[in-house]
Amino acid sequence: LHSILKLHKADKKLIQDGEIQSNIIKTLKQEYRELYSFWDDLKMQVWDLYQFNMCKVRLQLKPEEEEEKEEINNTLNSLTYKLQSKGKTRHLLSVHELDHQLKLHQTDISEKTRKFEKLWAEHIDLNKQLSEGRGPYPCPICHNQLELHWCALSCGHYYCFECIEVMLQQVAEDFIECSVCRDRQLHKVSYIDARETVTDCPKIEKYIYSTKISQIVKVLMELKKEDKGVKVLLFSSWEDVLDVVKKELDKNEISSELALPDNVNVKIRNFKNPAKNVTVLLLPVELELKDINLSEANHIMFAEPLMNPEDELQAIGRIDRIGQKRDTFIHKFLMKNTIEEDIHQATTSNAQKWGKKVVTIQRLLDLFKVPELADRPEEET
């Protein structure tokens, strides 16, 4: 409303009131974020106190009266066939159990200390190697040198991406076994990037809708960091997806416009207007944009693979046209091991058969067909 007032040159007092209200809303949004963060920290503090109290409960000593009562109950219980639950008093220890419990805890402490010292030594060694400009020891499976980035298991051993992917594919359970120390551990694989550290990496809103949208926001923030005036077109086949992306962009203070059939001309004008400083124009794929020049942008993003390659070429043609003086970039976002990979592979390997007028129902059904066991590659069977 404030923008409309300024656009139509309304009364200055109304515009000033609008600016005040707009600033109030921005302040309330900032206050909400701070309060949300505060309550989240408070929740974690309460949870830690709860865990601490649970630890104290587990270490209680039985009172003398409880000991005598338990002896009587045990005598009476031995005379009945009823099953007795020990859950109520399991956390209470007798005096004669203290030495045994103490030894168990000391053994646990020793084991955890050894693991910590091992990981700490490997951490020191890795930092030394990185400071000298070299990676850690070669991958223990393929023996290729690890240089820029690699993966690490919780035991502290490192693998290249290709080998860790094969290991994860061959594991049927939730545990993975290190090929070096044979330690059986959960699927906790860390990614290590040994390239130059970026201290002012863009911060993404903590609670974001999904992995894919989080990656879209991350790429946009990196582009904006490289070029503050960058302009991006983002296409999706579903308006619901564009609505969600718009909300996440607003959370992360990335200015955007959502163009729909009833407001497309207004949104495009806002996108082209330097004074509006709009970074992202969100567009449904089905919008008719054949004669529209959007060469102000030089980045195009596709939130999912498109079934019709002609739609993709039409979208790319909005920025890759005569008069474009900058390099153009195409960003495609796919979820690994999902039907999106199958769609992308099918439409890129044989684009001519996926046009709107030539695609068949059988070709669409083939996307959902699971290959027979005999037809699968050997590593997947």
Protein backbone atom coordinates (compact mmCIF):
# COMPACT_ATOMS: atom_id res chain seq x y z
CA LEU A 1 0.00 0.00 0.00
CA HIS A 2 2.86 2.34 0.85
CA SER A 3 4.45 1.69 -2.56
CA ILE A 4 1.13 2.35 -4.32
CA LEU A 5 0.77 5.67 -2.47
CA LYS A 6 4.23 6.76 -3.60
CA LEU A 7 3.61 5.53 -7.15
CA HIS A 8 0.40 7.58 -7.47
CA LYS A 9 1.96 10.59 -5.68
CA ALA A 10 -0.58 10.68 -2.88
CA ASP A 11 -0.71 13.19 -0.05
CA LYS A 12 2.71 13.57 1.66
CA LYS A 13 1.19 13.08 5.10
CA LEU A 14 -0.28 9.73 4.03
CA ILE A 15 3.10 8.68 2.62
CA GLN A 16 4.84 9.71 5.88
CA ASP A 17 2.29 7.75 7.90
CA GLY A 18 2.85 4.78 5.60
CA GLU A 19 6.62 4.97 6.16
CA ILE A 20 6.07 5.03 9.92
CA GLN A 21 3.76 2.01 9.76
CA SER A 22 6.17 0.18 7.45
CA ASN A 23 9.05 0.78 9.89
CA ILE A 24 6.87 -0.43 12.78
CA ILE A 25 6.13 -3.67 10.88
CA LYS A 26 9.84 -4.18 10.14
CA THR A 27 10.67 -3.62 13.81
CA LEU A 28 7.96 -6.08 14.88
CA LYS A 29 9.33 -8.67 12.45
CA GLN A 30 12.82 -8.21 13.89
CA GLU A 31 11.44 -8.41 17.43
CA TYR A 32 9.59 -11.63 16.53
CA ARG A 33 12.82 -13.19 15.23
CA GLU A 34 14.68 -12.23 18.39
CA LEU A 35 11.89 -13.58 20.60
CA TYR A 36 11.73 -16.78 18.56
CA SER A 37 15.48 -17.24 19.01
CA PHE A 38 15.19 -16.47 22.72
CA TRP A 39 12.41 -19.00 23.30
CA ASP A 40 14.33 -21.59 21.31
CA ASP A 41 17.38 -21.07 23.54
CA LEU A 42 15.14 -21.19 26.60
CA LYS A 43 13.63 -24.47 25.40
CA MET A 44 17.12 -25.97 25.04
CA GLN A 45 18.03 -24.75 28.52
CA VAL A 46 14.93 -26.38 30.03
CA TRP A 47 15.73 -29.58 28.16
CA ASP A 48 19.30 -29.58 29.51
CA LEU A 49 18.01 -29.06 33.06
CA TYR A 50 15.58 -31.93 32.55
CA GLN A 51 18.41 -34.19 31.37
CA PHE A 52 20.56 -33.12 34.31
CA ASN A 53 17.76 -33.94 36.77
CA MET A 54 17.28 -37.31 35.10
CA CYS A 55 20.98 -38.05 35.62
CA LYS A 56 20.65 -37.20 39.32
CA VAL A 57 17.57 -39.42 39.63
CA ARG A 58 19.50 -42.37 38.22
CA LEU A 59 22.20 -41.97 40.87
CA GLN A 60 20.03 -41.95 43.98
CA LEU A 61 20.85 -44.15 46.96
CA LYS A 62 18.08 -46.16 48.58
CA PRO A 63 17.07 -44.97 52.08
CA GLU A 64 17.38 -47.49 54.92
CA GLU A 65 13.60 -47.66 55.25
CA GLU A 66 13.34 -48.49 51.54
CA GLU A 67 15.94 -51.27 51.96
CA GLU A 68 13.95 -52.89 54.80
CA LYS A 69 10.67 -52.51 52.93
CA GLU A 70 12.23 -54.07 49.81
CA GLU A 71 13.44 -57.11 51.78
CA ILE A 72 9.92 -57.68 53.10
CA ASN A 73 8.41 -57.19 49.62
CA ASN A 74 10.92 -59.58 48.06
CA THR A 75 9.98 -62.23 50.63
CA LEU A 76 6.28 -61.74 49.93
CA ASN A 77 6.80 -61.64 46.17
CA SER A 78 8.59 -64.97 46.26
CA LEU A 79 5.35 -66.53 47.52
CA THR A 80 3.29 -65.37 44.50
CA TYR A 81 3.29 -66.14 40.80
CA LYS A 82 2.41 -62.58 39.76
CA LEU A 83 4.92 -60.75 37.57
CA GLN A 84 6.47 -57.82 39.41
CA SER A 85 7.69 -54.66 37.72
CA LYS A 86 11.13 -53.41 38.71
CA GLY A 87 10.86 -50.15 36.78
CA LYS A 88 9.76 -48.07 39.78
CA THR A 89 12.92 -48.73 41.83
CA ARG A 90 15.46 -49.42 39.10
CA HIS A 91 17.05 -45.99 39.51
CA LEU A 92 17.62 -46.55 43.26
CA LEU A 93 20.95 -48.16 44.16
CA SER A 94 21.74 -50.23 47.22
CA VAL A 95 25.00 -49.72 49.10
CA HIS A 96 26.45 -53.01 47.85
CA GLU A 97 25.83 -51.90 44.22
CA LEU A 98 27.91 -48.73 44.44
CA ASP A 99 31.30 -50.32 43.73
CA HIS A 100 29.96 -52.14 40.68
CA GLN A 101 28.29 -48.98 39.29
CA LEU A 102 31.42 -46.95 39.96
CA LYS A 103 33.57 -49.40 37.97
CA LEU A 104 31.10 -49.32 35.08
CA HIS A 105 31.23 -45.51 34.93
CA GLN A 106 35.02 -45.45 35.21
CA THR A 107 35.30 -47.90 32.32
CA ASP A 108 32.93 -45.75 30.27
CA ILE A 109 34.92 -42.61 31.07
CA SER A 110 38.19 -44.33 30.07
CA GLU A 111 36.72 -45.50 26.76
CA LYS A 112 35.30 -42.07 25.92
CA THR A 113 38.59 -40.40 26.93
CA ARG A 114 40.56 -42.67 24.57
CA LYS A 115 38.20 -41.87 21.71
CA PHE A 116 38.44 -38.14 22.42
CA GLU A 117 42.28 -38.24 22.55
CA LYS A 118 42.36 -40.15 19.26
CA LEU A 119 40.03 -37.68 17.52
CA TRP A 120 41.88 -34.70 19.02
CA ALA A 121 45.23 -36.02 17.77
CA GLU A 122 43.78 -36.50 14.29
CA HIS A 123 42.30 -33.00 14.46
CA ILE A 124 45.73 -31.50 15.31
CA ASP A 125 47.38 -33.54 12.54
CA LEU A 126 44.76 -32.45 9.99
CA ASN A 127 45.15 -28.75 10.90
CA LYS A 128 48.92 -29.09 10.52
CA GLN A 129 48.53 -30.67 7.09
CA LEU A 130 46.07 -28.00 5.95
CA SER A 131 48.36 -25.20 7.17
CA GLU A 132 51.16 -26.73 5.07
CA GLY A 133 48.89 -26.72 2.03
CA ARG A 134 48.34 -30.46 1.75
CA GLY A 135 45.38 -32.72 2.51
CA PRO A 136 45.29 -35.72 4.84
CA TYR A 137 46.50 -39.20 3.94
CA PRO A 138 45.07 -40.74 0.73
CA CYS A 139 41.65 -42.37 0.64
CA PRO A 140 42.13 -45.84 2.21
CA ILE A 141 40.03 -47.50 -0.54
CA CYS A 142 41.06 -45.96 -3.87
CA HIS A 143 44.34 -44.40 -2.57
CA ASN A 144 43.65 -41.10 -4.35
CA GLN A 145 45.05 -38.04 -2.60
CA LEU A 146 42.45 -35.95 -0.73
CA GLU A 147 43.11 -32.34 -1.67
CA LEU A 148 40.22 -29.85 -1.68
CA HIS A 149 37.29 -31.68 -0.07
CA TRP A 150 36.54 -35.09 1.37
CA CYS A 151 34.28 -36.92 3.83
CA ALA A 152 34.97 -38.00 7.41
CA LEU A 153 33.32 -40.64 9.58
CA SER A 154 32.77 -40.15 13.30
CA CYS A 155 35.80 -42.40 14.02
CA GLY A 156 38.04 -39.78 12.35
CA HIS A 157 38.98 -41.58 9.12
CA TYR A 158 38.67 -39.83 5.77
CA TYR A 159 37.34 -40.96 2.38
CA CYS A 160 36.81 -39.42 -1.03
CA PHE A 161 33.24 -38.70 -2.18
CA GLU A 162 33.13 -41.58 -4.67
CA CYS A 163 34.19 -44.23 -2.13
CA ILE A 164 31.92 -43.00 0.68
CA GLU A 165 28.96 -43.05 -1.72
CA VAL A 166 29.67 -46.69 -2.63
CA MET A 167 29.98 -47.58 1.07
CA LEU A 168 26.62 -45.98 1.88
CA GLN A 169 24.90 -47.73 -1.02
CA GLN A 170 26.13 -51.14 0.13
CA VAL A 171 24.87 -50.69 3.69
CA ALA A 172 21.34 -51.96 4.26
CA GLU A 173 21.05 -51.00 7.94
CA ASP A 174 21.43 -47.66 9.71
CA PHE A 175 25.07 -48.40 10.55
CA ILE A 176 28.23 -48.11 8.49
CA GLU A 177 31.52 -49.91 9.20
CA CYS A 178 34.79 -48.04 8.75
CA SER A 179 37.13 -49.97 6.45
CA VAL A 180 40.16 -48.85 8.48
CA CYS A 181 39.28 -49.38 12.15
CA ARG A 182 36.16 -51.56 11.61
CA ASP A 183 34.25 -49.28 13.98
CA ARG A 184 30.50 -49.76 13.47
CA GLN A 185 28.77 -46.38 13.63
CA LEU A 186 25.65 -44.52 12.56
CA HIS A 187 25.40 -42.85 9.15
CA LYS A 188 27.10 -39.65 10.36
CA VAL A 189 29.25 -38.47 7.46
CA SER A 190 30.88 -35.03 7.73
CA TYR A 191 31.81 -32.92 4.72
CA ILE A 192 35.19 -31.15 4.90
CA ASP A 193 36.06 -28.29 2.57
CA ALA A 194 39.76 -27.40 2.69
CA ARG A 195 39.49 -24.42 0.39
CA GLU A 196 39.96 -20.88 1.65
CA THR A 197 37.66 -20.20 4.59
CA VAL A 198 34.93 -17.60 4.07
CA THR A 199 34.41 -15.69 7.30
CA ASP A 200 31.40 -13.66 6.20
CA CYS A 201 29.41 -16.55 4.75
CA PRO A 202 25.74 -15.58 4.23
CA LYS A 203 23.56 -16.65 7.13
CA ILE A 204 20.38 -18.51 6.20
CA GLU A 205 17.25 -18.30 8.33
CA LYS A 206 17.40 -21.14 10.89
CA TYR A 207 13.97 -22.63 10.24
CA ILE A 208 13.51 -23.09 6.50
CA TYR A 209 10.87 -25.04 4.63
CA SER A 210 12.89 -27.81 2.92
CA THR A 211 16.35 -28.88 1.79
CA LYS A 212 15.80 -27.76 -1.81
CA ILE A 213 14.43 -24.34 -0.87
CA SER A 214 17.27 -23.93 1.61
CA GLN A 215 19.74 -24.55 -1.21
CA ILE A 216 17.91 -22.10 -3.49
CA VAL A 217 18.11 -19.40 -0.79
CA LYS A 218 21.78 -20.20 -0.18
CA VAL A 219 22.67 -19.85 -3.88
CA LEU A 220 20.74 -16.57 -4.11
CA MET A 221 22.54 -15.16 -1.08
CA GLU A 222 25.90 -16.15 -2.55
CA LEU A 223 25.00 -14.48 -5.86
CA LYS A 224 23.88 -11.35 -4.04
CA LYS A 225 27.12 -11.33 -2.05
CA GLU A 226 29.14 -11.40 -5.29
CA ASP A 227 26.96 -8.79 -7.01
CA LYS A 228 24.55 -6.66 -4.96
CA GLY A 229 22.63 -5.68 -8.09
CA VAL A 230 22.17 -9.24 -9.38
CA LYS A 231 18.79 -10.11 -10.90
CA VAL A 232 17.43 -13.66 -11.12
CA LEU A 233 14.43 -15.34 -12.76
CA LEU A 234 13.09 -18.35 -10.84
CA PHE A 235 10.66 -20.69 -12.62
CA SER A 236 8.46 -23.45 -11.21
CA SER A 237 5.59 -25.55 -12.53
CA TRP A 238 3.58 -24.99 -9.33
CA GLU A 239 2.37 -21.72 -7.84
CA ASP A 240 2.37 -23.31 -4.36
CA VAL A 241 6.13 -23.84 -4.63
CA LEU A 242 6.62 -20.22 -5.68
CA ASP A 243 4.51 -19.06 -2.71
CA VAL A 244 6.72 -21.00 -0.30
CA VAL A 245 9.92 -19.72 -1.93
CA LYS A 246 8.58 -16.15 -1.71
CA LYS A 247 7.99 -16.53 2.04
CA GLU A 248 11.50 -17.89 2.61
CA LEU A 249 13.06 -15.11 0.53
CA ASP A 250 11.18 -12.53 2.62
CA LYS A 251 12.48 -14.17 5.81
CA ASN A 252 16.04 -13.86 4.55
CA GLU A 253 15.55 -10.27 3.33
CA ILE A 254 15.90 -11.04 -0.38
CA SER A 255 13.56 -8.76 -2.32
CA SER A 256 11.33 -10.64 -4.75
CA GLU A 257 8.16 -10.34 -6.85
CA LEU A 258 5.72 -13.18 -7.62
CA ALA A 259 4.25 -12.73 -11.11
CA LEU A 260 0.86 -14.37 -11.75
CA PRO A 261 -1.43 -14.10 -14.81
CA ASP A 262 -3.46 -11.23 -13.27
CA ASN A 263 -0.46 -9.06 -12.26
CA VAL A 264 2.40 -10.13 -14.54
CA ASN A 265 2.87 -6.72 -16.21
CA VAL A 266 3.05 -4.84 -12.89
CA LYS A 267 5.51 -7.33 -11.39
CA ILE A 268 7.77 -7.23 -14.45
CA ARG A 269 7.81 -3.40 -14.34
CA ASN A 270 8.82 -3.55 -10.67
CA PHE A 271 11.55 -6.06 -11.52
CA LYS A 272 12.94 -3.87 -14.28
CA ASN A 273 12.77 -0.68 -12.18
CA PRO A 274 16.22 -0.05 -10.55
CA ALA A 275 14.58 2.02 -7.81
CA LYS A 276 12.58 -1.02 -6.61
CA ASN A 277 15.81 -3.05 -6.17
CA VAL A 278 14.03 -6.39 -6.81
CA THR A 279 16.49 -9.31 -6.88
CA VAL A 280 14.26 -12.28 -7.83
CA LEU A 281 11.27 -12.52 -10.16
CA LEU A 282 9.23 -15.67 -9.45
CA LEU A 283 7.42 -16.97 -12.54
CA PRO A 284 5.10 -19.93 -13.20
CA VAL A 285 6.23 -21.91 -16.25
CA GLU A 286 2.83 -21.67 -17.97
CA LEU A 287 2.95 -17.86 -18.21
CA GLU A 288 3.06 -16.61 -21.81
CA LEU A 289 6.35 -14.68 -22.00
CA LYS A 290 7.32 -15.15 -25.65
CA ASP A 291 7.73 -11.47 -26.55
CA ILE A 292 8.98 -10.22 -23.17
CA ASN A 293 12.62 -9.18 -22.81
CA LEU A 294 14.03 -9.77 -19.32
CA SER A 295 17.70 -9.28 -20.16
CA GLU A 296 18.12 -7.24 -16.96
CA ALA A 297 18.62 -10.68 -15.37
CA ASN A 298 21.50 -12.97 -16.25
CA HIS A 299 20.64 -15.90 -13.93
CA ILE A 300 17.76 -18.35 -14.39
CA MET A 301 16.75 -20.95 -11.80
CA PHE A 302 14.47 -23.95 -12.23
CA ALA A 303 13.02 -25.21 -8.95
CA GLU A 304 12.38 -28.63 -10.51
CA PRO A 305 13.00 -30.37 -13.86
CA LEU A 306 10.46 -29.44 -16.54
CA MET A 307 8.58 -32.16 -18.40
CA ASN A 308 8.55 -30.13 -21.63
CA PRO A 309 12.05 -29.10 -22.88
CA GLU A 310 10.41 -26.42 -25.04
CA ASP A 311 9.24 -24.61 -21.88
CA GLU A 312 12.82 -24.61 -20.60
CA LEU A 313 14.19 -23.16 -23.84
CA GLN A 314 11.42 -20.55 -23.84
CA ALA A 315 12.35 -19.52 -20.27
CA ILE A 316 16.07 -19.32 -21.08
CA GLY A 317 15.24 -17.19 -24.09
CA ARG A 318 13.96 -14.43 -21.77
CA ILE A 319 17.56 -13.53 -20.81
CA ASP A 320 19.74 -15.12 -23.52
CA ARG A 321 18.83 -12.79 -26.36
CA ILE A 322 20.16 -9.94 -28.48
CA GLY A 323 21.21 -7.05 -26.24
CA GLN A 324 22.40 -9.24 -23.36
CA LYS A 325 25.92 -8.00 -22.57
CA ARG A 326 26.69 -10.34 -19.67
CA ASP A 327 27.28 -14.07 -19.36
CA THR A 328 24.09 -15.99 -18.58
CA PHE A 329 23.87 -18.81 -16.03
CA ILE A 330 21.32 -21.62 -15.65
CA HIS A 331 20.74 -23.22 -12.22
CA LYS A 332 18.74 -26.46 -11.96
CA PHE A 333 17.73 -27.93 -8.60
CA LEU A 334 17.08 -31.69 -8.41
CA MET A 335 16.54 -34.00 -5.44
CA LYS A 336 18.92 -36.94 -5.67
CA ASN A 337 17.51 -40.49 -5.88
CA THR A 338 13.99 -39.23 -6.68
CA ILE A 339 11.83 -39.13 -9.80
CA GLU A 340 13.26 -35.67 -10.50
CA GLU A 341 16.52 -37.34 -11.53
CA ASP A 342 14.62 -39.67 -13.87
CA ILE A 343 12.73 -36.76 -15.45
CA HIS A 344 15.92 -34.76 -15.95
CA GLN A 345 17.76 -37.70 -17.48
CA ALA A 346 14.87 -38.60 -19.78
CA THR A 347 14.19 -35.06 -21.05
CA THR A 348 17.87 -34.17 -21.58
CA SER A 349 18.91 -37.43 -23.26
CA ASN A 350 16.13 -37.31 -25.86
CA ALA A 351 14.48 -33.89 -25.77
CA GLN A 352 12.70 -34.29 -29.13
CA LYS A 353 10.42 -37.04 -27.79
CA TRP A 354 9.28 -34.93 -24.81
CA GLY A 355 7.65 -32.07 -26.66
CA LYS A 356 4.08 -31.25 -25.69
CA LYS A 357 2.69 -32.55 -28.99
CA VAL A 358 4.74 -35.75 -29.29
CA VAL A 359 5.07 -37.12 -25.74
CA THR A 360 3.03 -40.29 -25.14
CA ILE A 361 1.26 -41.65 -22.08
CA GLN A 362 3.50 -44.73 -22.16
CA ARG A 363 6.61 -42.54 -21.97
CA LEU A 364 5.17 -40.84 -18.88
CA LEU A 365 4.34 -44.19 -17.28
CA ASP A 366 7.91 -45.41 -17.92
CA LEU A 367 9.17 -42.74 -15.53
CA PHE A 368 7.49 -44.59 -12.66
CA LYS A 369 8.63 -48.05 -13.73
CA VAL A 370 11.03 -49.76 -11.29
CA PRO A 371 13.62 -51.86 -13.19
CA GLU A 372 13.46 -55.60 -12.65
CA LEU A 373 16.09 -57.13 -10.40
CA ALA A 374 17.79 -58.86 -13.33
CA ASP A 375 18.02 -55.58 -15.26
CA ARG A 376 19.64 -53.60 -12.47
CA PRO A 377 23.39 -52.93 -12.35
CA GLU A 378 25.36 -55.45 -10.33
CA GLU A 379 26.18 -52.99 -7.52
CA GLU A 380 22.44 -52.33 -6.92
CA THR A 381 21.31 -56.00 -6.72
